[in-house]
Protein backbone atom coordinates (compact mmCIF):
# COMPACT_ATOMS: atom_id res chain seq x y z
CA MET A 1 0.01 0.01 -0.02
CA ALA A 2 1.40 3.41 -1.00
CA GLU A 3 1.24 6.44 1.23
CA VAL A 4 -0.08 9.72 -0.03
CA LYS A 5 1.68 12.76 1.27
CA LEU A 6 -0.14 16.04 1.88
CA SER A 7 1.52 19.46 1.92
CA LEU A 8 -0.41 22.52 2.98
CA GLU A 9 0.94 26.03 3.12
CA GLY A 10 -1.03 29.13 3.99
CA ASP A 11 -2.85 31.06 6.63
CA LYS A 12 -4.16 28.70 9.36
CA ALA A 13 -2.81 25.61 7.58
CA ASP A 14 -2.95 23.75 10.82
CA ILE A 15 -6.70 24.33 11.19
CA ALA A 16 -7.22 23.45 7.54
CA ALA A 17 -5.29 20.15 8.01
CA LYS A 18 -7.43 19.26 11.00
CA LYS A 19 -10.63 19.87 9.04
CA PHE A 20 -9.16 17.99 6.02
CA PHE A 21 -9.03 14.78 7.98
CA GLU A 22 -12.29 15.41 9.80
CA THR A 23 -14.43 16.11 6.70
CA THR A 24 -13.02 14.35 3.67
CA GLY A 25 -13.24 10.63 4.46
CA LEU A 26 -9.50 10.19 4.72
CA GLN A 27 -7.54 8.61 7.50
CA GLY A 28 -4.09 9.86 8.42
CA SER A 29 -2.14 12.37 10.39
CA TRP A 30 -0.51 15.75 10.06
CA GLU A 31 2.05 17.94 11.83
CA ILE A 32 3.51 21.39 11.44
CA ALA A 33 6.56 21.14 9.23
CA LEU A 34 9.84 21.09 11.10
CA GLY A 35 11.22 24.65 11.33
CA SER A 36 7.99 26.16 10.02
CA LEU A 37 6.91 29.25 11.94
CA PRO A 38 4.13 31.54 10.84
CA THR A 39 5.51 34.44 8.78
CA LYS A 40 4.23 37.99 8.91
CA GLU A 41 1.75 37.05 6.20
CA GLY A 42 0.51 34.30 8.46
CA THR A 43 1.61 31.39 6.26
CA LEU A 44 2.53 28.10 7.91
CA ALA A 45 3.57 24.78 6.35
CA VAL A 46 1.89 21.54 7.39
CA ILE A 47 2.76 18.04 6.22
CA GLY A 48 0.54 15.00 6.45
CA THR A 49 0.31 11.38 5.51
CA ILE A 50 -2.90 9.79 4.20
CA VAL A 51 -3.10 6.09 4.99
CA GLY A 52 -6.65 5.18 4.11
CA VAL A 53 -9.84 6.10 2.37
CA VAL A 54 -13.21 5.71 4.07
CA GLY A 55 -15.86 5.39 1.40
CA GLY A 56 -15.52 5.42 -2.35
CA THR A 57 -12.54 7.12 -4.09
CA VAL A 58 -14.72 9.42 -6.19
CA ALA A 59 -16.79 10.58 -3.21
CA VAL A 60 -13.65 11.30 -1.23
CA ALA A 61 -12.11 13.21 -4.16
CA GLU A 62 -15.24 15.31 -4.32
CA GLN A 63 -14.98 16.08 -0.61
CA ILE A 64 -11.29 17.00 -1.01
CA ARG A 65 -12.15 19.37 -3.84
CA LYS A 66 -14.94 20.98 -1.80
CA TRP A 67 -12.71 21.29 1.27
CA TYR A 68 -10.01 22.98 -0.81
CA GLN A 69 -12.40 25.44 -2.40
CA GLU A 70 -13.77 26.45 0.97
CA HIS A 71 -10.35 27.08 2.50
CA LYS A 72 -9.02 28.77 -0.60
CA ARG A 73 -11.81 31.29 -0.50
CA SER A 74 -11.04 32.18 3.18
CA ASN A 75 -7.30 32.60 2.66
CA LYS A 76 -5.38 34.77 0.26
CA LYS A 77 -2.42 32.32 0.11
CA PHE A 78 -3.37 28.64 0.46
CA ASP A 79 -1.59 25.92 -1.47
CA VAL A 80 -2.13 22.19 -1.22
CA VAL A 81 -0.23 19.39 -2.97
CA LEU A 82 -0.93 15.62 -2.87
CA VAL A 83 1.92 13.24 -3.73
CA ALA A 84 1.92 9.46 -4.21
CA ASP A 85 4.95 7.77 -5.62
CA ASP A 86 5.44 9.58 -8.97
CA VAL A 87 1.98 11.19 -9.03
CA ARG A 88 1.88 14.84 -7.89
CA VAL A 89 -1.28 16.96 -7.86
CA VAL A 90 -1.59 20.62 -7.01
CA LEU A 91 -5.17 21.15 -5.91
CA GLU A 92 -5.40 24.65 -7.42
CA ASN A 93 -6.54 23.34 -10.85
CA ALA A 94 -6.99 19.69 -10.13
CA THR A 95 -10.04 17.86 -11.38
CA ILE A 96 -11.87 15.05 -9.54
CA GLU A 97 -10.11 12.62 -11.82
CA ASP A 98 -6.69 14.07 -10.90
CA ILE A 99 -7.41 13.65 -7.19
CA CYS A 100 -8.74 10.11 -7.79
CA ALA A 101 -5.48 9.17 -9.50
CA VAL A 102 -3.54 10.03 -6.37
CA LEU A 103 -5.95 8.29 -4.07
CA GLU A 104 -5.94 5.12 -6.07
CA GLU A 105 -2.28 4.77 -5.27
CA LEU A 106 -3.45 3.93 -1.71
CA GLU A 107 -5.24 0.93 -3.02
CA SER A 108 -2.34 -0.44 -5.07
């Protein structure tokens, strides 16, 4: 089983990471990146590891996209990247299919 890495950077990234695992149907953990302190713009780096999907992949991908859009609207700078093996997806312009491709790595 592959792990999917999650990288968040932005205002209140720690709160966003907590909500990410609470609302998307993903199981995993997160922590503030080593050496990351909020800058004067309020950005903070968070890293996480996704270890499981609860529910169908497409439904979870839709929840991830919804979560991202909600947090992007509330923060001027908010970037999220999902990485599994050689698949890397930046959520800014990702489709449901792009997100599914990363999540499917968990099942292989």
